[in-house]
Amino acid sequence: MDAIVIEHMKVSERPEDWRTRLHAAAGKRVTVRIEEEAELRKAAQENAENPLFGMWQDREETTDVEAYIHKLRAPRF
């Protein structure tokens, strides 16, 4: 896998939208990693080939995921 890793970059030297997403002070330093997305698609394809991937897709109780999660978490609160 080919990737570019740039370490110790000042947040203030990054584009404005990056600074907003990072929520970091201007004086802080970050590491930026740039890699080809094809590797991510390959990983997603490998996951899709796993027999457990999507095993709950046909269950009626999970058609509305937000409601299902809310019901699961309700006893905790």
N, C-alpha and C. Protein backbone atom coordinates (compact mmCIF):
# COMPACT_ATOMS: atom_id res chain seq x y z
N MET A 1 0.85 -1.17 0.00
CA MET A 1 0.00 0.00 0.00
C MET A 1 0.89 1.23 0.00
N ASP A 2 0.64 2.13 -0.93
CA ASP A 2 1.38 3.38 -0.99
C ASP A 2 0.62 4.44 -0.21
N ALA A 3 1.33 5.15 0.62
CA ALA A 3 0.72 6.21 1.41
C ALA A 3 1.75 7.30 1.65
N ILE A 4 1.25 8.50 1.83
CA ILE A 4 2.09 9.62 2.20
C ILE A 4 1.72 9.99 3.63
N VAL A 5 2.71 10.04 4.49
CA VAL A 5 2.48 10.41 5.88
C VAL A 5 3.29 11.67 6.16
N ILE A 6 2.60 12.73 6.56
CA ILE A 6 3.26 13.99 6.87
C ILE A 6 3.07 14.21 8.36
N GLU A 7 4.17 14.19 9.10
CA GLU A 7 4.09 14.30 10.55
C GLU A 7 4.42 15.72 11.01
N HIS A 8 3.90 16.05 12.17
CA HIS A 8 4.22 17.29 12.87
C HIS A 8 3.83 18.55 12.09
N MET A 9 2.69 18.51 11.41
CA MET A 9 2.21 19.69 10.70
C MET A 9 1.42 20.58 11.65
N LYS A 10 1.66 21.86 11.58
CA LYS A 10 0.90 22.79 12.40
C LYS A 10 -0.54 22.84 11.91
N VAL A 11 -1.47 22.82 12.84
CA VAL A 11 -2.88 22.91 12.49
C VAL A 11 -3.14 24.21 11.74
N SER A 12 -2.47 25.27 12.12
CA SER A 12 -2.67 26.57 11.48
C SER A 12 -2.25 26.56 10.02
N GLU A 13 -1.46 25.57 9.60
CA GLU A 13 -1.02 25.48 8.21
C GLU A 13 -1.95 24.64 7.35
N ARG A 14 -2.98 24.10 7.92
CA ARG A 14 -3.95 23.27 7.20
C ARG A 14 -5.09 24.13 6.69
N PRO A 15 -5.82 23.64 5.68
CA PRO A 15 -6.98 24.38 5.17
C PRO A 15 -8.02 24.63 6.27
N GLU A 16 -8.80 25.66 6.11
CA GLU A 16 -9.79 26.07 7.11
C GLU A 16 -10.74 24.93 7.48
N ASP A 17 -11.25 24.18 6.49
CA ASP A 17 -12.20 23.11 6.81
C ASP A 17 -11.53 22.00 7.62
N TRP A 18 -10.25 21.77 7.43
CA TRP A 18 -9.54 20.78 8.24
C TRP A 18 -9.44 21.27 9.67
N ARG A 19 -9.10 22.55 9.83
CA ARG A 19 -8.97 23.11 11.19
C ARG A 19 -10.28 23.01 11.93
N THR A 20 -11.39 23.24 11.23
CA THR A 20 -12.70 23.16 11.85
C THR A 20 -12.99 21.73 12.30
N ARG A 21 -12.68 20.77 11.47
CA ARG A 21 -12.93 19.36 11.81
C ARG A 21 -12.05 18.86 12.94
N LEU A 22 -10.83 19.35 13.01
CA LEU A 22 -9.90 18.87 14.02
C LEU A 22 -10.19 19.42 15.40
N HIS A 23 -10.83 20.56 15.49
CA HIS A 23 -11.13 21.19 16.78
C HIS A 23 -9.86 21.32 17.62
N ALA A 24 -8.76 21.62 16.97
CA ALA A 24 -7.48 21.72 17.68
C ALA A 24 -7.00 23.17 17.67
N ALA A 25 -6.25 23.51 18.69
CA ALA A 25 -5.69 24.85 18.78
C ALA A 25 -4.69 25.07 17.65
N ALA A 26 -4.57 26.30 17.23
CA ALA A 26 -3.72 26.63 16.09
C ALA A 26 -2.27 26.21 16.29
N GLY A 27 -1.76 26.21 17.52
CA GLY A 27 -0.38 25.87 17.78
C GLY A 27 -0.10 24.37 17.83
N LYS A 28 -1.14 23.55 17.84
CA LYS A 28 -0.96 22.09 17.93
C LYS A 28 -0.43 21.55 16.61
N ARG A 29 0.14 20.36 16.69
CA ARG A 29 0.66 19.70 15.48
C ARG A 29 -0.10 18.39 15.26
N VAL A 30 -0.24 18.00 14.00
CA VAL A 30 -0.98 16.80 13.65
C VAL A 30 -0.17 15.97 12.65
N THR A 31 -0.62 14.74 12.46
CA THR A 31 -0.06 13.87 11.43
C THR A 31 -1.12 13.67 10.37
N VAL A 32 -0.75 13.85 9.12
CA VAL A 32 -1.67 13.70 8.00
C VAL A 32 -1.26 12.46 7.21
N ARG A 33 -2.21 11.59 6.95
CA ARG A 33 -1.96 10.37 6.17
C ARG A 33 -2.83 10.40 4.93
N ILE A 34 -2.22 10.25 3.78
CA ILE A 34 -2.93 10.27 2.51
C ILE A 34 -2.69 8.92 1.83
N GLU A 35 -3.79 8.24 1.50
CA GLU A 35 -3.65 6.96 0.82
C GLU A 35 -4.75 6.80 -0.21
N GLU A 36 -4.52 5.95 -1.15
CA GLU A 36 -5.47 5.72 -2.22
C GLU A 36 -6.71 5.00 -1.69
N GLU A 37 -7.88 5.46 -2.07
CA GLU A 37 -9.12 4.88 -1.58
C GLU A 37 -9.39 3.49 -2.12
N ALA A 38 -8.71 3.09 -3.15
CA ALA A 38 -8.92 1.74 -3.68
C ALA A 38 -8.65 0.70 -2.61
N GLU A 39 -7.71 0.96 -1.73
CA GLU A 39 -7.42 0.04 -0.63
C GLU A 39 -8.63 -0.08 0.30
N LEU A 40 -9.31 1.03 0.52
CA LEU A 40 -10.49 1.00 1.37
C LEU A 40 -11.61 0.21 0.71
N ARG A 41 -11.76 0.37 -0.61
CA ARG A 41 -12.78 -0.42 -1.33
C ARG A 41 -12.45 -1.90 -1.27
N LYS A 42 -11.18 -2.24 -1.36
CA LYS A 42 -10.76 -3.63 -1.28
C LYS A 42 -11.13 -4.21 0.09
N ALA A 43 -10.87 -3.44 1.15
CA ALA A 43 -11.22 -3.90 2.50
C ALA A 43 -12.73 -4.07 2.63
N ALA A 44 -13.50 -3.16 2.06
CA ALA A 44 -14.96 -3.26 2.12
C ALA A 44 -15.43 -4.51 1.38
N GLN A 45 -14.81 -4.81 0.25
CA GLN A 45 -15.17 -6.00 -0.51
C GLN A 45 -14.85 -7.26 0.28
N GLU A 46 -13.70 -7.27 0.96
CA GLU A 46 -13.34 -8.42 1.78
C GLU A 46 -14.35 -8.61 2.91
N ASN A 47 -14.81 -7.51 3.50
CA ASN A 47 -15.82 -7.60 4.55
C ASN A 47 -17.12 -8.15 3.99
N ALA A 48 -17.49 -7.73 2.80
CA ALA A 48 -18.75 -8.17 2.19
C ALA A 48 -18.72 -9.67 1.89
N GLU A 49 -17.54 -10.20 1.67
CA GLU A 49 -17.42 -11.63 1.40
C GLU A 49 -17.50 -12.48 2.66
N ASN A 50 -17.39 -11.85 3.82
CA ASN A 50 -17.48 -12.56 5.08
C ASN A 50 -18.92 -13.04 5.26
N PRO A 51 -19.14 -14.30 5.58
CA PRO A 51 -20.50 -14.82 5.71
C PRO A 51 -21.32 -14.15 6.80
N LEU A 52 -20.68 -13.50 7.76
CA LEU A 52 -21.41 -12.82 8.83
C LEU A 52 -21.86 -11.42 8.43
N PHE A 53 -21.27 -10.87 7.36
CA PHE A 53 -21.62 -9.53 6.91
C PHE A 53 -23.07 -9.49 6.45
N GLY A 54 -23.87 -8.61 7.02
CA GLY A 54 -25.26 -8.47 6.63
C GLY A 54 -26.20 -9.49 7.23
N MET A 55 -25.75 -10.21 8.25
CA MET A 55 -26.57 -11.29 8.79
C MET A 55 -27.88 -10.80 9.41
N TRP A 56 -27.98 -9.50 9.73
CA TRP A 56 -29.20 -8.96 10.33
C TRP A 56 -30.02 -8.16 9.32
N GLN A 57 -29.65 -8.14 8.07
CA GLN A 57 -30.30 -7.27 7.11
C GLN A 57 -31.78 -7.58 6.88
N ASP A 58 -32.21 -8.80 7.08
CA ASP A 58 -33.60 -9.17 6.83
C ASP A 58 -34.45 -9.21 8.10
N ARG A 59 -33.91 -8.80 9.21
CA ARG A 59 -34.67 -8.84 10.46
C ARG A 59 -35.60 -7.63 10.53
N GLU A 60 -36.87 -7.89 10.85
CA GLU A 60 -37.87 -6.83 10.88
C GLU A 60 -37.57 -5.77 11.93
N GLU A 61 -37.05 -6.16 13.09
CA GLU A 61 -36.82 -5.19 14.15
C GLU A 61 -35.71 -4.19 13.83
N THR A 62 -34.90 -4.47 12.81
CA THR A 62 -33.81 -3.56 12.48
C THR A 62 -34.09 -2.72 11.24
N THR A 63 -35.32 -2.72 10.75
CA THR A 63 -35.62 -1.88 9.59
C THR A 63 -35.49 -0.40 9.94
N ASP A 64 -35.88 -0.02 11.16
CA ASP A 64 -35.67 1.34 11.65
C ASP A 64 -34.55 1.25 12.69
N VAL A 65 -33.34 1.48 12.26
CA VAL A 65 -32.17 1.28 13.11
C VAL A 65 -32.20 2.20 14.33
N GLU A 66 -32.56 3.47 14.13
CA GLU A 66 -32.57 4.42 15.25
C GLU A 66 -33.55 3.98 16.34
N ALA A 67 -34.73 3.54 15.94
CA ALA A 67 -35.72 3.08 16.92
C ALA A 67 -35.24 1.82 17.62
N TYR A 68 -34.60 0.94 16.89
CA TYR A 68 -34.09 -0.30 17.48
C TYR A 68 -33.02 0.00 18.53
N ILE A 69 -32.09 0.88 18.19
CA ILE A 69 -31.02 1.25 19.13
C ILE A 69 -31.60 1.97 20.34
N HIS A 70 -32.57 2.85 20.11
CA HIS A 70 -33.21 3.56 21.23
C HIS A 70 -33.87 2.56 22.19
N LYS A 71 -34.53 1.56 21.63
CA LYS A 71 -35.18 0.53 22.46
C LYS A 71 -34.14 -0.26 23.25
N LEU A 72 -33.00 -0.57 22.61
CA LEU A 72 -31.95 -1.31 23.30
C LEU A 72 -31.36 -0.51 24.45
N ARG A 73 -31.19 0.79 24.24
CA ARG A 73 -30.53 1.62 25.23
C ARG A 73 -31.48 2.15 26.30
N ALA A 74 -32.76 2.10 26.07
CA ALA A 74 -33.74 2.68 26.99
C ALA A 74 -33.58 2.20 28.43
N PRO A 75 -33.36 0.91 28.70
CA PRO A 75 -33.24 0.47 30.10
C PRO A 75 -32.04 1.10 30.83
N ARG A 76 -31.05 1.58 30.11
CA ARG A 76 -29.86 2.15 30.75
C ARG A 76 -30.13 3.54 31.31
N PHE A 77 -31.16 4.21 30.79
CA PHE A 77 -31.36 5.61 31.18
C PHE A 77 -32.56 5.77 32.04
